[in-house]
Amino acid sequence: MVEIGYRYGELYWGANDGNWSYADYQVQKIRLALENALERRPKRRASTESTFVPVLNEMARVVQEHDSARFGETFEKVTAACNACHAAEEVPSFYVVAPQARTSPIRGESN
């Protein structure tokens, strides 16, 4: 989950910078980290696949289309899906909010 949290933040900043290739990279890395996590915790697959994966798929489409107008709304859905999944898995103390401060030095070419 730590890696997914990092990637979530980088997805946010990448898309907000208009660095769509970086945002797409983060979506793919979230998928990979999630698969790795589910290998270790297979009992969590059902809630992850029903709660989080559909919204991640929607986010992938938004990023691939470079849709700035839909990104914010879809990112809110991703955040809500994270929290819904955590609640379903009885770890509501893992509450996710949109990034407030940038910690990574990665920027788009023009930023």
C-alpha atoms as a PDB file:
ATOM      1  CA  MET A   1       0.000   0.000   0.000  1.00  0.00           C
ATOM      2  CA  VAL A   2       2.894   2.382   0.569  1.00  0.00           C
ATOM      3  CA  GLU A   3       3.953   2.068  -3.055  1.00  0.00           C
ATOM      4  CA  ILE A   4       0.381   2.491  -4.251  1.00  0.00           C
ATOM      5  CA  GLY A   5       0.077   5.622  -2.118  1.00  0.00           C
ATOM      6  CA  TYR A   6       3.237   7.041  -3.667  1.00  0.00           C
ATOM      7  CA  ARG A   7       2.042   6.217  -7.182  1.00  0.00           C
ATOM      8  CA  TYR A   8      -1.381   7.729  -6.411  1.00  0.00           C
ATOM      9  CA  GLY A   9       0.282  11.034  -5.535  1.00  0.00           C
ATOM     10  CA  GLU A  10       2.494  10.958  -8.613  1.00  0.00           C
ATOM     11  CA  LEU A  11      -0.547  10.227 -10.796  1.00  0.00           C
ATOM     12  CA  TYR A  12      -2.208  13.316  -9.375  1.00  0.00           C
ATOM     13  CA  TRP A  13       0.738  15.628  -9.974  1.00  0.00           C
ATOM     14  CA  GLY A  14       1.593  14.157 -13.367  1.00  0.00           C
ATOM     15  CA  ALA A  15      -1.899  14.719 -14.718  1.00  0.00           C
ATOM     16  CA  ASN A  16      -2.145  18.167 -13.172  1.00  0.00           C
ATOM     17  CA  ASP A  17       1.119  19.054 -14.943  1.00  0.00           C
ATOM     18  CA  GLY A  18      -0.278  17.711 -18.216  1.00  0.00           C
ATOM     19  CA  ASN A  19       2.491  15.102 -18.187  1.00  0.00           C
ATOM     20  CA  TRP A  20       0.163  12.387 -19.467  1.00  0.00           C
ATOM     21  CA  SER A  21       2.867   9.829 -20.242  1.00  0.00           C
ATOM     22  CA  TYR A  22       4.035  10.063 -16.625  1.00  0.00           C
ATOM     23  CA  ALA A  23       0.442   9.786 -15.371  1.00  0.00           C
ATOM     24  CA  ASP A  24      -0.074   6.706 -17.561  1.00  0.00           C
ATOM     25  CA  TYR A  25       3.144   5.211 -16.191  1.00  0.00           C
ATOM     26  CA  GLN A  26       1.774   5.675 -12.657  1.00  0.00           C
ATOM     27  CA  VAL A  27      -1.538   3.985 -13.520  1.00  0.00           C
ATOM     28  CA  GLN A  28       0.395   0.978 -14.848  1.00  0.00           C
ATOM     29  CA  LYS A  29       2.616   0.888 -11.757  1.00  0.00           C
ATOM     30  CA  ILE A  30      -0.456   1.063  -9.500  1.00  0.00           C
ATOM     31  CA  ARG A  31      -1.824  -2.009 -11.312  1.00  0.00           C
ATOM     32  CA  LEU A  32       1.450  -3.873 -10.854  1.00  0.00           C
ATOM     33  CA  ALA A  33       1.795  -2.933  -7.189  1.00  0.00           C
ATOM     34  CA  LEU A  34      -1.817  -3.941  -6.600  1.00  0.00           C
ATOM     35  CA  GLU A  35      -1.266  -7.339  -8.217  1.00  0.00           C
ATOM     36  CA  ASN A  36       1.830  -7.858  -6.091  1.00  0.00           C
ATOM     37  CA  ALA A  37      -0.117  -6.895  -2.964  1.00  0.00           C
ATOM     38  CA  LEU A  38      -2.925  -9.307  -3.840  1.00  0.00           C
ATOM     39  CA  GLU A  39      -0.458 -12.159  -4.249  1.00  0.00           C
ATOM     40  CA  ARG A  40       0.432 -11.640  -0.595  1.00  0.00           C
ATOM     41  CA  ARG A  41      -3.153 -11.011   0.499  1.00  0.00           C
ATOM     42  CA  PRO A  42      -5.382 -13.062  -1.826  1.00  0.00           C
ATOM     43  CA  LYS A  43      -8.403 -12.785   0.500  1.00  0.00           C
ATOM     44  CA  ARG A  44      -8.572  -9.088  -0.402  1.00  0.00           C
ATOM     45  CA  ARG A  45      -8.938  -9.728  -4.131  1.00  0.00           C
ATOM     46  CA  ALA A  46     -12.752  -9.764  -4.190  1.00  0.00           C
ATOM     47  CA  SER A  47     -13.188  -6.340  -2.605  1.00  0.00           C
ATOM     48  CA  THR A  48     -10.322  -4.889  -4.635  1.00  0.00           C
ATOM     49  CA  GLU A  49     -11.724  -6.147  -7.918  1.00  0.00           C
ATOM     50  CA  SER A  50     -15.248  -4.999  -7.186  1.00  0.00           C
ATOM     51  CA  THR A  51     -14.428  -1.653  -5.570  1.00  0.00           C
ATOM     52  CA  PHE A  52     -11.146  -0.345  -6.925  1.00  0.00           C
ATOM     53  CA  VAL A  53     -10.302  -1.963 -10.271  1.00  0.00           C
ATOM     54  CA  PRO A  54     -13.302  -0.561 -12.223  1.00  0.00           C
ATOM     55  CA  VAL A  55     -12.420   2.978 -11.158  1.00  0.00           C
ATOM     56  CA  LEU A  56      -8.743   2.423 -11.953  1.00  0.00           C
ATOM     57  CA  ASN A  57      -9.818   1.275 -15.425  1.00  0.00           C
ATOM     58  CA  GLU A  58     -11.828   4.482 -15.820  1.00  0.00           C
ATOM     59  CA  MET A  59      -8.801   6.497 -14.733  1.00  0.00           C
ATOM     60  CA  ALA A  60      -6.650   4.694 -17.294  1.00  0.00           C
ATOM     61  CA  ARG A  61      -9.062   5.785 -20.048  1.00  0.00           C
ATOM     62  CA  VAL A  62      -9.095   9.397 -18.823  1.00  0.00           C
ATOM     63  CA  VAL A  63      -5.293   9.473 -18.779  1.00  0.00           C
ATOM     64  CA  GLN A  64      -4.973   7.833 -22.191  1.00  0.00           C
ATOM     65  CA  GLU A  65      -7.380  10.436 -23.612  1.00  0.00           C
ATOM     66  CA  HIS A  66      -5.466  13.283 -21.893  1.00  0.00           C
ATOM     67  CA  ASP A  67      -8.808  14.440 -20.524  1.00  0.00           C
ATOM     68  CA  SER A  68      -8.006  17.253 -18.104  1.00  0.00           C
ATOM     69  CA  ALA A  69     -11.688  18.086 -17.706  1.00  0.00           C
ATOM     70  CA  ARG A  70     -12.554  14.605 -16.407  1.00  0.00           C
ATOM     71  CA  PHE A  71      -9.381  13.975 -14.455  1.00  0.00           C
ATOM     72  CA  GLY A  72     -10.426  15.749 -11.234  1.00  0.00           C
ATOM     73  CA  GLU A  73     -13.791  14.007 -11.041  1.00  0.00           C
ATOM     74  CA  THR A  74     -12.236  10.619 -11.790  1.00  0.00           C
ATOM     75  CA  PHE A  75      -9.445  11.177  -9.283  1.00  0.00           C
ATOM     76  CA  GLU A  76     -12.111  11.819  -6.638  1.00  0.00           C
ATOM     77  CA  LYS A  77     -13.673   8.476  -7.603  1.00  0.00           C
ATOM     78  CA  VAL A  78     -10.304   6.757  -7.238  1.00  0.00           C
ATOM     79  CA  THR A  79      -9.876   8.306  -3.791  1.00  0.00           C
ATOM     80  CA  ALA A  80     -13.370   7.210  -2.754  1.00  0.00           C
ATOM     81  CA  ALA A  81     -12.710   3.701  -4.090  1.00  0.00           C
ATOM     82  CA  CYS A  82      -9.502   3.470  -2.056  1.00  0.00           C
ATOM     83  CA  ASN A  83     -11.394   4.401   1.089  1.00  0.00           C
ATOM     84  CA  ALA A  84     -14.311   2.086   0.309  1.00  0.00           C
ATOM     85  CA  CYS A  85     -11.934  -0.820  -0.202  1.00  0.00           C
ATOM     86  CA  HIS A  86     -10.090  -0.035   3.036  1.00  0.00           C
ATOM     87  CA  ALA A  87     -13.416   0.077   4.890  1.00  0.00           C
ATOM     88  CA  ALA A  88     -14.520  -3.227   3.327  1.00  0.00           C
ATOM     89  CA  GLU A  89     -11.250  -4.805   4.443  1.00  0.00           C
ATOM     90  CA  GLU A  90     -11.747  -3.404   7.963  1.00  0.00           C
ATOM     91  CA  VAL A  91      -8.772  -1.030   7.823  1.00  0.00           C
ATOM     92  CA  PRO A  92     -10.645   2.297   7.825  1.00  0.00           C
ATOM     93  CA  SER A  93      -7.680   3.929   9.562  1.00  0.00           C
ATOM     94  CA  PHE A  94      -6.010   3.837   6.128  1.00  0.00           C
ATOM     95  CA  TYR A  95      -7.912   6.941   4.996  1.00  0.00           C
ATOM     96  CA  VAL A  96      -6.777   8.461   1.705  1.00  0.00           C
ATOM     97  CA  VAL A  97      -7.017  12.123   0.733  1.00  0.00           C
ATOM     98  CA  ALA A  98      -5.825  13.914  -2.399  1.00  0.00           C
ATOM     99  CA  PRO A  99      -2.215  15.090  -2.170  1.00  0.00           C
ATOM    100  CA  GLN A 100      -1.787  18.464  -0.500  1.00  0.00           C
ATOM    101  CA  ALA A 101       1.923  18.947  -1.118  1.00  0.00           C
ATOM    102  CA  ARG A 102       4.273  17.683  -3.767  1.00  0.00           C
ATOM    103  CA  THR A 103       7.225  15.664  -2.514  1.00  0.00           C
ATOM    104  CA  SER A 104       8.661  14.339  -5.770  1.00  0.00           C
ATOM    105  CA  PRO A 105      11.120  16.284  -7.917  1.00  0.00           C
ATOM    106  CA  ILE A 106       9.567  14.848 -11.108  1.00  0.00           C
ATOM    107  CA  ARG A 107       7.955  17.460 -13.365  1.00  0.00           C
ATOM    108  CA  GLY A 108       6.817  17.685 -16.947  1.00  0.00           C
ATOM    109  CA  GLU A 109       9.205  19.330 -19.376  1.00  0.00           C
ATOM    110  CA  SER A 110       7.508  22.713 -19.101  1.00  0.00           C
ATOM    111  CA  ASN A 111       7.053  22.694 -15.308  1.00  0.00           C
END
